[in-house]
Amino acid sequence: MTTPRGVESRTDPEQTRPPEAGRAAPRTPHSRGAHSDAPLAAIRVDRDALARHDDAALAPGDDVRYLVTAGATVSVADGGEGMRLALEAEDPRQDESLPLVYLGLLDGLRVLGAEVPEPSPELDDPGRDLRELRRVAVQLPRTEAGLALTAAGMGAWHRSMRHCPGCGGVLEPESSGWVLRCHEDGSQHFPRTDPAVIMAVRDQDDRLLLARNANVRGRFSSVLAGFVEPGETLEAAVAREVGEEVGVVVDEVEYVGSQPWPFPRSLMLGFRAWARAAGELVLQDDEIAEARWYTREELAAALGDASIAVPGRASIARALIEDWYGGSLPGAD
């Protein structure tokens, strides 16, 4: 594995930092780690991708259901047996300014993504229960969560891509909404995914680094994260982001797993990382408001007295924290 300046890629499970006395050992790369524990990493969707090139994929019919999204929300129903997607039998769009997207198959039905305007006092839809996807995704069956994440990401792309970035011409959908072609110069444009690294940084005493973003109010703290820059490896991005945001030098990086995060279009790539030395934290003024190292006992106490809040279960950040902690966080929900 390629590594940045002096950063070692950790692959030997025997090199894992020892746990604090009385605690379970941190999971190793060969055990059940954050990749399988992150709910949105385990989704499976029959995308039926080859059918996208057939115009019939978007045709109405008895075998079609429409999955409604509005921004980062999705239409759901709770019938007492758990939350499910509220799939509709008729095209819910009031206009066709945003195209339908063929998402794939669910129980033999074609599922089409339909982005609609977000509800407002002037445009209310009392018959539709729209919920924030990042909050309800873990409550949905995994296949339905995968369809919803795809629909939200594609809806965000279609909202932002109306005109050709080269000539400004009008873009027209092709391949069941998965391609946009410029009406003027004929260029094709495809959905974009931005890779972002997210890392649980530990020091030599196996303490975990948590930080509060300067743009986030309240008690919410999480592990560090940042986008990968052009010409950069994932491991180099981990080391750079940690150095920029808190002034800590990372000398070992270990890949854990990934999960989609289409808010609006990210792919989160999770890592464990080990600091060369804890030292004094130097916070990036416009990014980090607070940061500190936590032992497991200190984090449990902070959660217990509500002096800190951590990411929800839909986020790989939560999985990375629990991967370090050795199990579910007490009082985190």
C-alpha atoms as a PDB file:
ATOM      1  CA  MET A   1       0.000   0.000   0.000  1.00  0.00           C
ATOM      2  CA  THR A   2       1.377   3.398  -0.936  1.00  0.00           C
ATOM      3  CA  THR A   3       2.113   5.602   2.069  1.00  0.00           C
ATOM      4  CA  PRO A   4       2.889   9.320   2.455  1.00  0.00           C
ATOM      5  CA  ARG A   5       5.990  10.915   3.915  1.00  0.00           C
ATOM      6  CA  GLY A   6       7.146   8.509   6.607  1.00  0.00           C
ATOM      7  CA  VAL A   7       3.659   7.095   7.149  1.00  0.00           C
ATOM      8  CA  GLU A   8       3.620   3.342   7.602  1.00  0.00           C
ATOM      9  CA  SER A   9       0.659   1.297   6.424  1.00  0.00           C
ATOM     10  CA  ARG A  10      -0.409  -0.996   9.262  1.00  0.00           C
ATOM     11  CA  THR A  11      -1.247  -4.522   8.110  1.00  0.00           C
ATOM     12  CA  ASP A  12       0.121  -6.772  10.878  1.00  0.00           C
ATOM     13  CA  PRO A  13      -2.580  -7.401  13.519  1.00  0.00           C
ATOM     14  CA  GLU A  14       0.156  -8.066  16.101  1.00  0.00           C
ATOM     15  CA  GLN A  15       1.173  -4.402  15.827  1.00  0.00           C
ATOM     16  CA  THR A  16      -2.174  -3.118  17.136  1.00  0.00           C
ATOM     17  CA  ARG A  17      -1.768  -0.817  20.133  1.00  0.00           C
ATOM     18  CA  PRO A  18      -2.336  -2.561  23.480  1.00  0.00           C
ATOM     19  CA  PRO A  19      -5.636  -1.724  25.196  1.00  0.00           C
ATOM     20  CA  GLU A  20      -5.938   0.044  28.488  1.00  0.00           C
ATOM     21  CA  ALA A  21      -5.914  -2.232  31.498  1.00  0.00           C
ATOM     22  CA  GLY A  22      -9.221  -3.988  31.950  1.00  0.00           C
ATOM     23  CA  ARG A  23     -10.514  -3.167  28.473  1.00  0.00           C
ATOM     24  CA  ALA A  24     -11.146  -5.494  25.554  1.00  0.00           C
ATOM     25  CA  ALA A  25      -8.445  -5.394  22.901  1.00  0.00           C
ATOM     26  CA  PRO A  26      -9.120  -3.103  19.926  1.00  0.00           C
ATOM     27  CA  ARG A  27     -10.249  -4.970  16.860  1.00  0.00           C
ATOM     28  CA  THR A  28      -7.576  -5.934  14.387  1.00  0.00           C
ATOM     29  CA  PRO A  29      -7.715  -5.786  10.563  1.00  0.00           C
ATOM     30  CA  HIS A  30      -8.639  -9.501  10.531  1.00  0.00           C
ATOM     31  CA  SER A  31     -11.564  -9.191  12.935  1.00  0.00           C
ATOM     32  CA  ARG A  32     -15.048  -7.792  12.542  1.00  0.00           C
ATOM     33  CA  GLY A  33     -14.170  -4.127  12.194  1.00  0.00           C
ATOM     34  CA  ALA A  34     -15.814  -0.844  11.320  1.00  0.00           C
ATOM     35  CA  HIS A  35     -16.396  -1.793   7.685  1.00  0.00           C
ATOM     36  CA  SER A  36     -18.923  -4.471   8.568  1.00  0.00           C
ATOM     37  CA  ASP A  37     -20.285  -2.567  11.576  1.00  0.00           C
ATOM     38  CA  ALA A  38     -21.199   0.591   9.644  1.00  0.00           C
ATOM     39  CA  PRO A  39     -24.827  -0.013   8.577  1.00  0.00           C
ATOM     40  CA  LEU A  40     -24.523   1.900   5.324  1.00  0.00           C
ATOM     41  CA  ALA A  41     -21.467  -0.137   4.310  1.00  0.00           C
ATOM     42  CA  ALA A  42     -23.432  -3.389   4.192  1.00  0.00           C
ATOM     43  CA  ILE A  43     -26.194  -2.363   1.785  1.00  0.00           C
ATOM     44  CA  ARG A  44     -26.822  -4.468  -1.297  1.00  0.00           C
ATOM     45  CA  VAL A  45     -28.824  -3.188  -4.265  1.00  0.00           C
ATOM     46  CA  ASP A  46     -29.657  -4.895  -7.565  1.00  0.00           C
ATOM     47  CA  ARG A  47     -28.869  -1.866  -9.733  1.00  0.00           C
ATOM     48  CA  ASP A  48     -29.719  -3.750 -12.953  1.00  0.00           C
ATOM     49  CA  ALA A  49     -27.244  -1.391 -14.616  1.00  0.00           C
ATOM     50  CA  LEU A  50     -27.377  -2.897 -18.106  1.00  0.00           C
ATOM     51  CA  ALA A  51     -31.091  -2.101 -18.333  1.00  0.00           C
ATOM     52  CA  ARG A  52     -30.379   1.645 -18.019  1.00  0.00           C
ATOM     53  CA  HIS A  53     -29.679   1.836 -21.751  1.00  0.00           C
ATOM     54  CA  ASP A  54     -33.177   0.582 -22.591  1.00  0.00           C
ATOM     55  CA  ASP A  55     -35.795   3.350 -22.885  1.00  0.00           C
ATOM     56  CA  ALA A  56     -38.330   0.952 -21.401  1.00  0.00           C
ATOM     57  CA  ALA A  57     -36.563   1.169 -18.013  1.00  0.00           C
ATOM     58  CA  LEU A  58     -38.374   4.458 -17.300  1.00  0.00           C
ATOM     59  CA  ALA A  59     -41.687   3.507 -18.857  1.00  0.00           C
ATOM     60  CA  PRO A  60     -44.725   3.508 -16.529  1.00  0.00           C
ATOM     61  CA  GLY A  61     -46.339   0.182 -15.742  1.00  0.00           C
ATOM     62  CA  ASP A  62     -47.721  -2.096 -13.080  1.00  0.00           C
ATOM     63  CA  ASP A  63     -44.178  -3.227 -12.248  1.00  0.00           C
ATOM     64  CA  VAL A  64     -42.961   0.319 -11.430  1.00  0.00           C
ATOM     65  CA  ARG A  65     -42.660   2.021  -8.056  1.00  0.00           C
ATOM     66  CA  TYR A  66     -41.466   5.595  -7.483  1.00  0.00           C
ATOM     67  CA  LEU A  67     -39.060   6.450  -4.671  1.00  0.00           C
ATOM     68  CA  VAL A  68     -39.546  10.094  -3.665  1.00  0.00           C
ATOM     69  CA  THR A  69     -36.669  12.248  -2.434  1.00  0.00           C
ATOM     70  CA  ALA A  70     -36.578  15.959  -1.685  1.00  0.00           C
ATOM     71  CA  GLY A  71     -33.085  17.216  -1.019  1.00  0.00           C
ATOM     72  CA  ALA A  72     -31.639  15.077   1.771  1.00  0.00           C
ATOM     73  CA  THR A  73     -35.051  13.679   2.742  1.00  0.00           C
ATOM     74  CA  VAL A  74     -36.861  10.535   1.643  1.00  0.00           C
ATOM     75  CA  SER A  75     -40.516   9.507   1.750  1.00  0.00           C
ATOM     76  CA  VAL A  76     -41.090   6.779   4.353  1.00  0.00           C
ATOM     77  CA  ALA A  77     -43.921   4.932   6.069  1.00  0.00           C
ATOM     78  CA  ASP A  78     -44.056   3.301   9.494  1.00  0.00           C
ATOM     79  CA  GLY A  79     -46.758   0.678   9.608  1.00  0.00           C
ATOM     80  CA  GLY A  80     -45.935  -0.602  13.059  1.00  0.00           C
ATOM     81  CA  GLU A  81     -43.576  -3.309  11.787  1.00  0.00           C
ATOM     82  CA  GLY A  82     -40.653  -0.975  11.268  1.00  0.00           C
ATOM     83  CA  MET A  83     -39.870   1.845   8.897  1.00  0.00           C
ATOM     84  CA  ARG A  84     -40.012   1.231   5.146  1.00  0.00           C
ATOM     85  CA  LEU A  85     -39.784   3.345   2.026  1.00  0.00           C
ATOM     86  CA  ALA A  86     -43.147   4.744   0.948  1.00  0.00           C
ATOM     87  CA  LEU A  87     -42.933   3.641  -2.672  1.00  0.00           C
ATOM     88  CA  GLU A  88     -45.647   5.124  -4.900  1.00  0.00           C
ATOM     89  CA  ALA A  89     -47.393   3.621  -7.917  1.00  0.00           C
ATOM     90  CA  GLU A  90     -47.811   6.890  -9.857  1.00  0.00           C
ATOM     91  CA  ASP A  91     -45.227   9.443 -10.977  1.00  0.00           C
ATOM     92  CA  PRO A  92     -45.223  11.960  -8.082  1.00  0.00           C
ATOM     93  CA  ARG A  93     -43.560  14.820  -9.940  1.00  0.00           C
ATOM     94  CA  GLN A  94     -45.675  17.921 -10.497  1.00  0.00           C
ATOM     95  CA  ASP A  95     -43.370  18.899 -13.346  1.00  0.00           C
ATOM     96  CA  GLU A  96     -40.590  17.195 -15.252  1.00  0.00           C
ATOM     97  CA  SER A  97     -37.797  19.703 -14.638  1.00  0.00           C
ATOM     98  CA  LEU A  98     -35.849  16.907 -12.913  1.00  0.00           C
ATOM     99  CA  PRO A  99     -35.642  13.551 -14.707  1.00  0.00           C
ATOM    100  CA  LEU A 100     -36.564  10.166 -13.344  1.00  0.00           C
ATOM    101  CA  VAL A 101     -33.648   7.850 -12.537  1.00  0.00           C
ATOM    102  CA  TYR A 102     -33.763   4.081 -12.841  1.00  0.00           C
ATOM    103  CA  LEU A 103     -32.394   2.853  -9.497  1.00  0.00           C
ATOM    104  CA  GLY A 104     -32.728  -0.912  -9.958  1.00  0.00           C
ATOM    105  CA  LEU A 105     -34.932  -3.816  -8.918  1.00  0.00           C
ATOM    106  CA  LEU A 106     -36.663  -4.482  -5.611  1.00  0.00           C
ATOM    107  CA  ASP A 107     -38.681  -7.695  -5.259  1.00  0.00           C
ATOM    108  CA  GLY A 108     -39.126  -7.845  -9.033  1.00  0.00           C
ATOM    109  CA  LEU A 109     -40.306  -4.232  -9.317  1.00  0.00           C
ATOM    110  CA  ARG A 110     -38.534  -1.461 -11.181  1.00  0.00           C
ATOM    111  CA  VAL A 111     -37.763   1.395  -8.783  1.00  0.00           C
ATOM    112  CA  LEU A 112     -37.516   4.898 -10.230  1.00  0.00           C
ATOM    113  CA  GLY A 113     -36.060   7.776  -8.270  1.00  0.00           C
ATOM    114  CA  ALA A 114     -38.203  10.924  -8.380  1.00  0.00           C
ATOM    115  CA  GLU A 115     -36.812  14.158  -6.930  1.00  0.00           C
ATOM    116  CA  VAL A 116     -39.517  16.633  -5.901  1.00  0.00           C
ATOM    117  CA  PRO A 117     -39.303  20.179  -4.449  1.00  0.00           C
ATOM    118  CA  GLU A 118     -38.626  20.324  -0.727  1.00  0.00           C
ATOM    119  CA  PRO A 119     -41.769  21.091   1.315  1.00  0.00           C
ATOM    120  CA  SER A 120     -42.294  24.692   2.396  1.00  0.00           C
ATOM    121  CA  PRO A 121     -45.150  26.757   3.875  1.00  0.00           C
ATOM    122  CA  GLU A 122     -46.127  27.604   0.304  1.00  0.00           C
ATOM    123  CA  LEU A 123     -45.646  24.069  -1.003  1.00  0.00           C
ATOM    124  CA  ASP A 124     -46.807  21.568   1.582  1.00  0.00           C
ATOM    125  CA  ASP A 125     -47.499  17.891   0.999  1.00  0.00           C
ATOM    126  CA  PRO A 126     -49.361  16.567   4.035  1.00  0.00           C
ATOM    127  CA  GLY A 127     -49.805  13.141   2.478  1.00  0.00           C
ATOM    128  CA  ARG A 128     -46.072  12.408   2.297  1.00  0.00           C
ATOM    129  CA  ASP A 129     -43.819  11.732   5.297  1.00  0.00           C
ATOM    130  CA  LEU A 130     -40.398  13.103   4.332  1.00  0.00           C
ATOM    131  CA  ARG A 131     -37.606  12.312   6.807  1.00  0.00           C
ATOM    132  CA  GLU A 132     -33.902  13.168   6.857  1.00  0.00           C
ATOM    133  CA  LEU A 133     -32.225  10.207   5.211  1.00  0.00           C
ATOM    134  CA  ARG A 134     -29.101  10.394   7.359  1.00  0.00           C
ATOM    135  CA  ARG A 135     -31.326   9.852  10.424  1.00  0.00           C
ATOM    136  CA  VAL A 136     -33.638   7.111   9.134  1.00  0.00           C
ATOM    137  CA  ALA A 137     -31.300   5.134   6.876  1.00  0.00           C
ATOM    138  CA  VAL A 138     -30.322   2.758   9.683  1.00  0.00           C
ATOM    139  CA  GLN A 139     -34.001   2.065  10.405  1.00  0.00           C
ATOM    140  CA  LEU A 140     -34.725   0.954   6.840  1.00  0.00           C
ATOM    141  CA  PRO A 141     -34.102  -2.538   5.459  1.00  0.00           C
ATOM    142  CA  ARG A 142     -30.612  -2.504   3.986  1.00  0.00           C
ATOM    143  CA  THR A 143     -31.691  -2.895   0.363  1.00  0.00           C
ATOM    144  CA  GLU A 144     -34.180  -0.045   0.726  1.00  0.00           C
ATOM    145  CA  ALA A 145     -31.542   2.106   2.425  1.00  0.00           C
ATOM    146  CA  GLY A 146     -29.249   1.497  -0.544  1.00  0.00           C
ATOM    147  CA  LEU A 147     -31.923   2.555  -3.000  1.00  0.00           C
ATOM    148  CA  ALA A 148     -32.653   5.685  -0.956  1.00  0.00           C
ATOM    149  CA  LEU A 149     -28.976   6.662  -0.761  1.00  0.00           C
ATOM    150  CA  THR A 150     -28.635   6.238  -4.517  1.00  0.00           C
ATOM    151  CA  ALA A 151     -31.774   8.270  -5.151  1.00  0.00           C
ATOM    152  CA  ALA A 152     -30.630  11.097  -2.872  1.00  0.00           C
ATOM    153  CA  GLY A 153     -27.225  11.254  -4.542  1.00  0.00           C
ATOM    154  CA  MET A 154     -28.674  11.220  -8.033  1.00  0.00           C
ATOM    155  CA  GLY A 155     -31.254  13.838  -7.091  1.00  0.00           C
ATOM    156  CA  ALA A 156     -28.509  16.124  -5.787  1.00  0.00           C
ATOM    157  CA  TRP A 157     -26.557  15.656  -9.011  1.00  0.00           C
ATOM    158  CA  HIS A 158     -29.512  16.496 -11.234  1.00  0.00           C
ATOM    159  CA  ARG A 159     -30.339  19.581  -9.151  1.00  0.00           C
ATOM    160  CA  SER A 160     -26.798  20.917  -9.520  1.00  0.00           C
ATOM    161  CA  MET A 161     -26.124  19.903 -13.148  1.00  0.00           C
ATOM    162  CA  ARG A 162     -28.492  21.874 -15.370  1.00  0.00           C
ATOM    163  CA  HIS A 163     -26.010  23.319 -17.867  1.00  0.00           C
ATOM    164  CA  CYS A 164     -22.849  22.101 -19.561  1.00  0.00           C
ATOM    165  CA  PRO A 165     -19.721  23.243 -17.658  1.00  0.00           C
ATOM    166  CA  GLY A 166     -17.901  23.608 -20.977  1.00  0.00           C
ATOM    167  CA  CYS A 167     -20.253  25.727 -23.077  1.00  0.00           C
ATOM    168  CA  GLY A 168     -23.281  26.439 -20.912  1.00  0.00           C
ATOM    169  CA  GLY A 169     -25.609  24.464 -23.146  1.00  0.00           C
ATOM    170  CA  VAL A 170     -28.703  22.684 -21.842  1.00  0.00           C
ATOM    171  CA  LEU A 171     -28.092  19.161 -20.548  1.00  0.00           C
ATOM    172  CA  GLU A 172     -30.506  16.395 -21.466  1.00  0.00           C
ATOM    173  CA  PRO A 173     -30.754  13.049 -19.632  1.00  0.00           C
ATOM    174  CA  GLU A 174     -29.807   9.737 -21.192  1.00  0.00           C
ATOM    175  CA  SER A 175     -29.331   6.178 -19.957  1.00  0.00           C
ATOM    176  CA  SER A 176     -32.307   6.350 -17.587  1.00  0.00           C
ATOM    177  CA  GLY A 177     -30.985   9.455 -15.861  1.00  0.00           C
ATOM    178  CA  TRP A 178     -27.400   8.228 -15.354  1.00  0.00           C
ATOM    179  CA  VAL A 179     -25.883  10.373 -18.139  1.00  0.00           C
ATOM    180  CA  LEU A 180     -26.394  14.005 -19.122  1.00  0.00           C
ATOM    181  CA  ARG A 181     -25.561  15.055 -22.676  1.00  0.00           C
ATOM    182  CA  CYS A 182     -24.991  18.635 -23.772  1.00  0.00           C
ATOM    183  CA  HIS A 183     -27.491  19.746 -26.412  1.00  0.00           C
ATOM    184  CA  GLU A 184     -24.874  22.078 -27.945  1.00  0.00           C
ATOM    185  CA  ASP A 185     -21.489  20.337 -28.009  1.00  0.00           C
ATOM    186  CA  GLY A 186     -22.578  16.711 -27.498  1.00  0.00           C
ATOM    187  CA  SER A 187     -20.360  16.145 -24.437  1.00  0.00           C
ATOM    188  CA  GLN A 188     -21.435  13.555 -21.868  1.00  0.00           C
ATOM    189  CA  HIS A 189     -21.449  14.135 -18.114  1.00  0.00           C
ATOM    190  CA  PHE A 190     -21.637  11.499 -15.395  1.00  0.00           C
ATOM    191  CA  PRO A 191     -22.532  11.487 -11.681  1.00  0.00           C
ATOM    192  CA  ARG A 192     -19.696  12.662  -9.470  1.00  0.00           C
ATOM    193  CA  THR A 193     -18.557  11.132  -6.188  1.00  0.00           C
ATOM    194  CA  ASP A 194     -16.102  12.996  -3.947  1.00  0.00           C
ATOM    195  CA  PRO A 195     -13.747  10.737  -1.925  1.00  0.00           C
ATOM    196  CA  ALA A 196     -13.312  11.845   1.687  1.00  0.00           C
ATOM    197  CA  VAL A 197     -11.081  10.270   4.323  1.00  0.00           C
ATOM    198  CA  ILE A 198     -12.322   9.932   7.896  1.00  0.00           C
ATOM    199  CA  MET A 199      -9.917   8.733  10.573  1.00  0.00           C
ATOM    200  CA  ALA A 200      -9.898   7.599  14.170  1.00  0.00           C
ATOM    201  CA  VAL A 201      -6.555   8.926  15.408  1.00  0.00           C
ATOM    202  CA  ARG A 202      -4.983   7.245  18.447  1.00  0.00           C
ATOM    203  CA  ASP A 203      -1.913   8.256  20.424  1.00  0.00           C
ATOM    204  CA  GLN A 204       0.767   6.053  22.003  1.00  0.00           C
ATOM    205  CA  ASP A 205      -1.443   5.552  25.070  1.00  0.00           C
ATOM    206  CA  ASP A 206      -4.337   4.387  22.869  1.00  0.00           C
ATOM    207  CA  ARG A 207      -6.370   7.519  23.555  1.00  0.00           C
ATOM    208  CA  LEU A 208      -8.769   8.660  20.824  1.00  0.00           C
ATOM    209  CA  LEU A 209      -8.770  12.153  19.332  1.00  0.00           C
ATOM    210  CA  LEU A 210     -12.188  13.807  19.021  1.00  0.00           C
ATOM    211  CA  ALA A 211     -12.837  17.325  17.757  1.00  0.00           C
ATOM    212  CA  ARG A 212     -15.698  19.784  17.388  1.00  0.00           C
ATOM    213  CA  ASN A 213     -16.002  21.545  14.045  1.00  0.00           C
ATOM    214  CA  ALA A 214     -16.005  25.344  14.212  1.00  0.00           C
ATOM    215  CA  ASN A 215     -19.211  25.464  12.164  1.00  0.00           C
ATOM    216  CA  VAL A 216     -21.127  23.089  14.444  1.00  0.00           C
ATOM    217  CA  ARG A 217     -22.934  24.354  17.497  1.00  0.00           C
ATOM    218  CA  GLY A 218     -23.507  22.472  20.713  1.00  0.00           C
ATOM    219  CA  ARG A 219     -21.665  19.468  22.115  1.00  0.00           C
ATOM    220  CA  PHE A 220     -21.222  17.438  18.929  1.00  0.00           C
ATOM    221  CA  SER A 221     -17.712  16.019  18.490  1.00  0.00           C
ATOM    222  CA  SER A 222     -16.368  13.452  16.063  1.00  0.00           C
ATOM    223  CA  VAL A 223     -13.268  12.002  14.492  1.00  0.00           C
ATOM    224  CA  LEU A 224     -11.431  14.084  11.898  1.00  0.00           C
ATOM    225  CA  ALA A 225     -12.307  13.998   8.201  1.00  0.00           C
ATOM    226  CA  GLY A 226     -11.497  15.788   4.968  1.00  0.00           C
ATOM    227  CA  PHE A 227     -11.609  15.541   1.198  1.00  0.00           C
ATOM    228  CA  VAL A 228      -8.899  13.920  -0.905  1.00  0.00           C
ATOM    229  CA  GLU A 229      -7.031  16.400  -3.091  1.00  0.00           C
ATOM    230  CA  PRO A 230      -5.983  15.828  -6.739  1.00  0.00           C
ATOM    231  CA  GLY A 231      -2.750  13.865  -7.043  1.00  0.00           C
ATOM    232  CA  GLU A 232      -2.990  12.575  -3.465  1.00  0.00           C
ATOM    233  CA  THR A 233      -3.163   9.049  -2.074  1.00  0.00           C
ATOM    234  CA  LEU A 234      -5.723   8.211   0.584  1.00  0.00           C
ATOM    235  CA  GLU A 235      -2.997   7.687   3.181  1.00  0.00           C
ATOM    236  CA  ALA A 236      -1.418  11.028   2.337  1.00  0.00           C
ATOM    237  CA  ALA A 237      -4.813  12.711   2.700  1.00  0.00           C
ATOM    238  CA  VAL A 238      -5.175  11.223   6.197  1.00  0.00           C
ATOM    239  CA  ALA A 239      -1.773  12.533   7.278  1.00  0.00           C
ATOM    240  CA  ARG A 240      -2.316  15.966   5.713  1.00  0.00           C
ATOM    241  CA  GLU A 241      -5.771  16.515   7.183  1.00  0.00           C
ATOM    242  CA  VAL A 242      -4.684  15.509  10.697  1.00  0.00           C
ATOM    243  CA  GLY A 243      -1.644  17.766  10.478  1.00  0.00           C
ATOM    244  CA  GLU A 244      -3.632  20.717   9.149  1.00  0.00           C
ATOM    245  CA  GLU A 245      -6.547  20.473  11.581  1.00  0.00           C
ATOM    246  CA  VAL A 246      -4.841  19.655  14.896  1.00  0.00           C
ATOM    247  CA  GLY A 247      -1.072  19.782  14.266  1.00  0.00           C
ATOM    248  CA  VAL A 248      -0.524  16.067  14.934  1.00  0.00           C
ATOM    249  CA  VAL A 249       1.937  13.981  12.925  1.00  0.00           C
ATOM    250  CA  VAL A 250       0.554  10.606  11.844  1.00  0.00           C
ATOM    251  CA  ASP A 251       3.078   7.856  11.154  1.00  0.00           C
ATOM    252  CA  GLU A 252       0.824   4.790  10.705  1.00  0.00           C
ATOM    253  CA  VAL A 253      -2.393   4.462   8.705  1.00  0.00           C
ATOM    254  CA  GLU A 254      -4.685   1.453   8.335  1.00  0.00           C
ATOM    255  CA  TYR A 255      -7.676   1.244   5.988  1.00  0.00           C
ATOM    256  CA  VAL A 256     -10.893   0.046   7.661  1.00  0.00           C
ATOM    257  CA  GLY A 257     -13.740   0.378   5.162  1.00  0.00           C
ATOM    258  CA  SER A 258     -16.057   2.717   3.295  1.00  0.00           C
ATOM    259  CA  GLN A 259     -19.652   3.808   3.077  1.00  0.00           C
ATOM    260  CA  PRO A 260     -21.689   6.096   0.809  1.00  0.00           C
ATOM    261  CA  TRP A 261     -22.645   9.505   2.174  1.00  0.00           C
ATOM    262  CA  PRO A 262     -24.581  11.291  -0.598  1.00  0.00           C
ATOM    263  CA  PHE A 263     -25.027  14.603   1.240  1.00  0.00           C
ATOM    264  CA  PRO A 264     -24.570  15.650  -1.448  1.00  0.00           C
ATOM    265  CA  ARG A 265     -22.068  13.256  -3.085  1.00  0.00           C
ATOM    266  CA  SER A 266     -19.357  11.876  -0.791  1.00  0.00           C
ATOM    267  CA  LEU A 267     -17.835   8.435  -0.387  1.00  0.00           C
ATOM    268  CA  MET A 268     -16.420   8.129   3.135  1.00  0.00           C
ATOM    269  CA  LEU A 269     -13.205   6.092   3.375  1.00  0.00           C
ATOM    270  CA  GLY A 270     -12.515   5.086   6.970  1.00  0.00           C
ATOM    271  CA  PHE A 271      -9.091   4.659   8.567  1.00  0.00           C
ATOM    272  CA  ARG A 272      -7.409   3.963  11.847  1.00  0.00           C
ATOM    273  CA  ALA A 273      -4.376   6.197  12.332  1.00  0.00           C
ATOM    274  CA  TRP A 274      -1.646   6.365  14.979  1.00  0.00           C
ATOM    275  CA  ALA A 275       0.042   9.586  16.036  1.00  0.00           C
ATOM    276  CA  ARG A 276       3.812   9.728  16.414  1.00  0.00           C
ATOM    277  CA  ALA A 277       3.312  11.593  19.711  1.00  0.00           C
ATOM    278  CA  ALA A 278       0.336  13.255  21.374  1.00  0.00           C
ATOM    279  CA  GLY A 279       1.962  16.614  22.059  1.00  0.00           C
ATOM    280  CA  GLU A 280       0.105  19.915  22.119  1.00  0.00           C
ATOM    281  CA  LEU A 281      -2.855  20.212  19.760  1.00  0.00           C
ATOM    282  CA  VAL A 282      -2.646  23.164  17.360  1.00  0.00           C
ATOM    283  CA  LEU A 283      -6.167  23.822  16.101  1.00  0.00           C
ATOM    284  CA  GLN A 284      -6.935  25.156  12.634  1.00  0.00           C
ATOM    285  CA  ASP A 285      -8.777  28.417  13.343  1.00  0.00           C
ATOM    286  CA  ASP A 286     -11.473  28.210  10.688  1.00  0.00           C
ATOM    287  CA  GLU A 287     -12.067  24.459  11.036  1.00  0.00           C
ATOM    288  CA  ILE A 288     -11.703  23.187  14.605  1.00  0.00           C
ATOM    289  CA  ALA A 289     -13.239  24.819  17.686  1.00  0.00           C
ATOM    290  CA  GLU A 290     -12.174  22.193  20.253  1.00  0.00           C
ATOM    291  CA  ALA A 291     -10.184  18.969  20.288  1.00  0.00           C
ATOM    292  CA  ARG A 292      -8.840  16.622  22.947  1.00  0.00           C
ATOM    293  CA  TRP A 293      -7.627  13.090  23.585  1.00  0.00           C
ATOM    294  CA  TYR A 294      -9.981  10.689  25.374  1.00  0.00           C
ATOM    295  CA  THR A 295      -9.388   7.482  27.254  1.00  0.00           C
ATOM    296  CA  ARG A 296     -12.276   5.017  27.126  1.00  0.00           C
ATOM    297  CA  GLU A 297     -13.205   5.893  30.698  1.00  0.00           C
ATOM    298  CA  GLU A 298     -13.158   9.616  29.949  1.00  0.00           C
ATOM    299  CA  LEU A 299     -15.355   9.239  26.888  1.00  0.00           C
ATOM    300  CA  ALA A 300     -17.849   7.078  28.797  1.00  0.00           C
ATOM    301  CA  ALA A 301     -18.002   9.684  31.555  1.00  0.00           C
ATOM    302  CA  ALA A 302     -18.468  12.545  29.061  1.00  0.00           C
ATOM    303  CA  LEU A 303     -21.328  10.688  27.399  1.00  0.00           C
ATOM    304  CA  GLY A 304     -22.813   9.908  30.766  1.00  0.00           C
ATOM    305  CA  ASP A 305     -22.982  13.537  31.897  1.00  0.00           C
ATOM    306  CA  ALA A 306     -23.980  14.738  28.394  1.00  0.00           C
ATOM    307  CA  SER A 307     -20.952  17.004  28.099  1.00  0.00           C
ATOM    308  CA  ILE A 308     -20.303  15.534  24.653  1.00  0.00           C
ATOM    309  CA  ALA A 309     -22.423  14.196  21.784  1.00  0.00           C
ATOM    310  CA  VAL A 310     -21.140  11.842  19.091  1.00  0.00           C
ATOM    311  CA  PRO A 311     -22.284  10.932  15.558  1.00  0.00           C
ATOM    312  CA  GLY A 312     -25.389   8.813  15.004  1.00  0.00           C
ATOM    313  CA  ARG A 313     -25.399   5.176  14.017  1.00  0.00           C
ATOM    314  CA  ALA A 314     -25.742   5.872  10.298  1.00  0.00           C
ATOM    315  CA  SER A 315     -22.264   7.415  10.164  1.00  0.00           C
ATOM    316  CA  ILE A 316     -19.012   5.536   9.702  1.00  0.00           C
ATOM    317  CA  ALA A 317     -17.619   8.013  12.246  1.00  0.00           C
ATOM    318  CA  ARG A 318     -19.678   6.278  14.929  1.00  0.00           C
ATOM    319  CA  ALA A 319     -18.435   2.882  13.765  1.00  0.00           C
ATOM    320  CA  LEU A 320     -14.820   4.069  13.944  1.00  0.00           C
ATOM    321  CA  ILE A 321     -15.300   5.393  17.478  1.00  0.00           C
ATOM    322  CA  GLU A 322     -16.930   2.149  18.613  1.00  0.00           C
ATOM    323  CA  ASP A 323     -14.202   0.179  16.853  1.00  0.00           C
ATOM    324  CA  TRP A 324     -11.677   1.922  19.123  1.00  0.00           C
ATOM    325  CA  TYR A 325     -13.922   1.730  22.209  1.00  0.00           C
ATOM    326  CA  GLY A 326     -14.442  -2.006  21.789  1.00  0.00           C
ATOM    327  CA  GLY A 327     -18.248  -2.034  21.648  1.00  0.00           C
ATOM    328  CA  SER A 328     -21.366   0.119  21.801  1.00  0.00           C
ATOM    329  CA  LEU A 329     -20.932   3.525  23.395  1.00  0.00           C
ATOM    330  CA  PRO A 330     -22.838   3.857  26.673  1.00  0.00           C
ATOM    331  CA  GLY A 331     -25.495   6.560  26.586  1.00  0.00           C
ATOM    332  CA  ALA A 332     -24.564   7.740  23.105  1.00  0.00           C
ATOM    333  CA  ASP A 333     -28.149   7.598  21.802  1.00  0.00           C
END
